[in-house]
Protein backbone atom coordinates (compact mmCIF):
# COMPACT_ATOMS: atom_id res chain seq x y z
CA UNK A 1 -0.36 0.06 -0.02
CA UNK A 2 0.73 3.61 -1.09
CA UNK A 3 2.52 5.72 2.19
CA UNK A 4 0.74 8.41 3.37
CA UNK A 5 -3.29 9.80 3.56
CA UNK A 6 -5.04 8.43 -0.06
CA UNK A 7 -8.54 9.53 -1.06
CA UNK A 8 -10.69 7.71 -3.24
CA UNK A 9 -14.56 7.72 -4.43
CA UNK A 10 -15.12 4.21 -4.90
CA UNK A 11 -15.77 1.04 -7.13
CA UNK A 12 -17.88 0.14 -9.28
CA UNK A 13 -18.81 -3.35 -11.00
CA UNK A 14 -21.70 -4.36 -13.47
CA UNK A 15 -22.18 -8.36 -13.42
CA UNK A 16 -24.42 -10.55 -15.44
CA UNK A 17 -24.99 -14.28 -14.79
CA UNK A 18 -27.57 -16.28 -13.08
CA UNK A 19 -28.81 -16.67 -9.63
CA UNK A 20 -31.02 -19.04 -7.97
CA UNK A 21 -33.17 -18.13 -5.01
CA UNK A 22 -33.04 -21.90 -2.98
CA UNK A 23 -30.75 -25.17 -3.33
CA UNK A 24 -33.53 -26.92 -5.52
CA UNK A 25 -34.94 -24.01 -7.57
CA UNK A 26 -33.71 -22.82 -11.95
CA UNK A 27 -31.08 -20.67 -12.20
CA UNK A 28 -32.32 -17.31 -13.33
CA UNK A 29 -30.18 -14.70 -15.27
CA UNK A 30 -29.18 -11.39 -13.87
CA UNK A 31 -27.54 -7.61 -14.50
CA UNK A 32 -26.78 -5.74 -11.81
CA UNK A 33 -24.57 -2.81 -10.92
CA UNK A 34 -22.65 -2.30 -7.71
CA UNK A 35 -20.80 0.68 -5.82
CA UNK A 36 -18.50 1.07 -2.89
CA UNK A 37 -16.87 3.55 -0.81
CA UNK A 38 -13.53 3.80 -1.99
CA UNK A 39 -12.27 4.03 1.76
CA UNK A 40 -14.85 1.93 3.72
CA UNK A 41 -17.31 -0.87 4.35
CA UNK A 42 -20.79 0.63 2.50
CA UNK A 43 -21.53 -1.51 -0.52
CA UNK A 44 -25.49 -1.19 -2.82
CA UNK A 45 -26.29 -3.73 -5.11
CA UNK A 46 -29.15 -3.38 -7.39
CA UNK A 47 -29.96 -5.75 -9.33
CA UNK A 48 -33.01 -6.83 -11.92
CA UNK A 49 -33.62 -11.03 -12.08
CA UNK A 50 -35.47 -12.32 -15.02
CA UNK A 51 -38.13 -14.83 -12.74
CA UNK A 52 -40.51 -15.71 -16.50
CA UNK A 53 -40.03 -14.37 -19.86
CA UNK A 54 -41.63 -11.34 -19.22
CA UNK A 55 -41.76 -10.87 -15.79
CA UNK A 56 -38.61 -9.30 -13.42
CA UNK A 57 -38.03 -8.07 -10.00
CA UNK A 58 -35.28 -5.50 -8.80
CA UNK A 59 -33.33 -6.89 -6.02
CA UNK A 60 -31.57 -3.55 -3.74
CA UNK A 61 -28.39 -5.78 -1.87
CA UNK A 62 -27.31 -2.66 0.87
CA UNK A 63 -24.96 -2.01 3.91
CA UNK A 64 -25.06 1.59 4.68
CA UNK A 65 -24.45 3.95 6.94
CA UNK A 66 -23.78 0.79 9.54
CA UNK A 67 -27.32 -0.46 8.39
CA UNK A 68 -27.72 -3.51 6.26
CA UNK A 69 -30.70 -3.85 3.90
CA UNK A 70 -32.41 -6.59 1.18
CA UNK A 71 -35.30 -6.12 -0.41
CA UNK A 72 -36.79 -7.00 -3.00
CA UNK A 73 -39.49 -6.59 -5.82
CA UNK A 74 -40.97 -8.01 -8.50
CA UNK A 75 -41.77 -5.54 -11.39
CA UNK A 76 -39.76 -2.96 -9.49
CA UNK A 77 -42.95 -2.34 -6.77
CA UNK A 78 -44.57 -5.15 -5.48
CA UNK A 79 -42.68 -6.52 -2.50
CA UNK A 80 -41.14 -9.92 -2.53
CA UNK A 81 -38.88 -10.33 0.49
CA UNK A 82 -37.21 -7.21 3.03
CA UNK A 83 -34.54 -8.38 5.29
CA UNK A 84 -33.02 -5.48 7.85
CA UNK A 85 -32.49 -5.45 11.14
CA UNK A 86 -29.17 -6.36 13.46
CA UNK A 87 -28.96 -9.94 12.09
CA UNK A 88 -28.87 -8.18 8.60
CA UNK A 89 -26.65 -5.07 9.82
CA UNK A 90 -23.85 -8.35 10.40
CA UNK A 91 -24.42 -10.15 7.09
CA UNK A 92 -24.05 -7.31 5.37
CA UNK A 93 -21.23 -5.37 7.31
CA UNK A 94 -19.40 -9.58 6.43
CA UNK A 95 -19.91 -9.09 2.71
CA UNK A 96 -18.28 -5.64 3.03
CA UNK A 97 -15.62 -7.19 4.57
CA UNK A 98 -15.27 -10.31 2.06
CA UNK A 99 -15.86 -8.06 -1.56
CA UNK A 100 -12.68 -6.03 -0.05
CA UNK A 101 -10.14 -7.15 -2.37
CA UNK A 102 -12.41 -5.08 -4.76
CA UNK A 103 -11.03 -1.83 -3.37
CA UNK A 104 -8.37 -2.03 -1.29
CA UNK A 105 -7.97 0.85 0.07
CA UNK A 106 -10.84 0.42 1.69
CA UNK A 107 -8.68 -2.03 3.99
CA UNK A 108 -8.33 1.43 6.61
CA UNK A 109 -11.30 0.90 6.19
CA UNK A 110 -14.03 3.13 9.26
CA UNK A 111 -15.97 0.87 11.84
CA UNK A 112 -17.53 2.23 14.99
CA UNK A 113 -15.42 4.87 15.25
CA UNK A 114 -11.58 2.91 14.82
CA UNK A 115 -9.88 1.82 11.30
CA UNK A 116 -8.39 -1.24 10.67
CA UNK A 117 -4.61 0.10 8.95
CA UNK A 118 -1.84 -2.11 8.01
CA UNK A 119 2.12 -1.55 7.95
CA UNK A 120 5.28 -3.57 6.45
CA UNK A 121 5.92 -5.57 10.48
CA UNK A 122 8.39 -7.00 8.22
CA UNK A 123 10.06 -8.00 4.70
CA UNK A 124 6.44 -9.30 2.93
CA UNK A 125 4.63 -9.71 6.43
CA UNK A 126 2.33 -7.55 7.56
CA UNK A 127 1.14 -6.60 10.83
CA UNK A 128 -2.76 -4.75 11.83
CA UNK A 129 -2.94 -1.78 13.82
CA UNK A 130 -5.61 0.19 15.18
CA UNK A 131 -6.49 4.48 14.99
CA UNK A 132 -9.10 6.71 15.73
CA UNK A 133 -10.63 8.24 12.21
CA UNK A 134 -13.42 9.91 10.92
CA UNK A 135 -14.71 9.35 8.09
CA UNK A 136 -16.42 11.77 5.49
CA UNK A 137 -19.80 10.97 3.62
CA UNK A 138 -20.84 10.51 0.51
CA UNK A 139 -24.14 10.38 -0.73
CA UNK A 140 -25.12 6.94 -2.96
CA UNK A 141 -26.94 6.54 -5.78
CA UNK A 142 -30.33 5.79 -4.35
CA UNK A 143 -32.53 4.44 -7.48
CA UNK A 144 -33.77 0.51 -7.83
């Protein structure tokens, strides 16, 4: 990692693939976009899933402001799934951690006023240290 403070606004991904709701359910094609905060765990994944010919669902999976949310709507407005609360907050934070390689500067991510940073302890070895930080908030896209 480069020395000194770095600033980035984030990362954006476009995805296409197949998804299924359960192991015994059929695979359905989807297209999605995902935004990551440059130096935070926050992300927003918005997908369009074709459930049948002419039948689509919009899915929102996000972790913003320390809160997780999973929402699915058929035809974009009929709610069919929604999850939020502490278990969802934890699950979405874990997803944010699992996807840190998409945004390496977020390894200094701010969590509850602390940050993890990485320092070279010896040749090719890294150690973790914690420090207090204040992070700047920027708006993310809000449409689904």
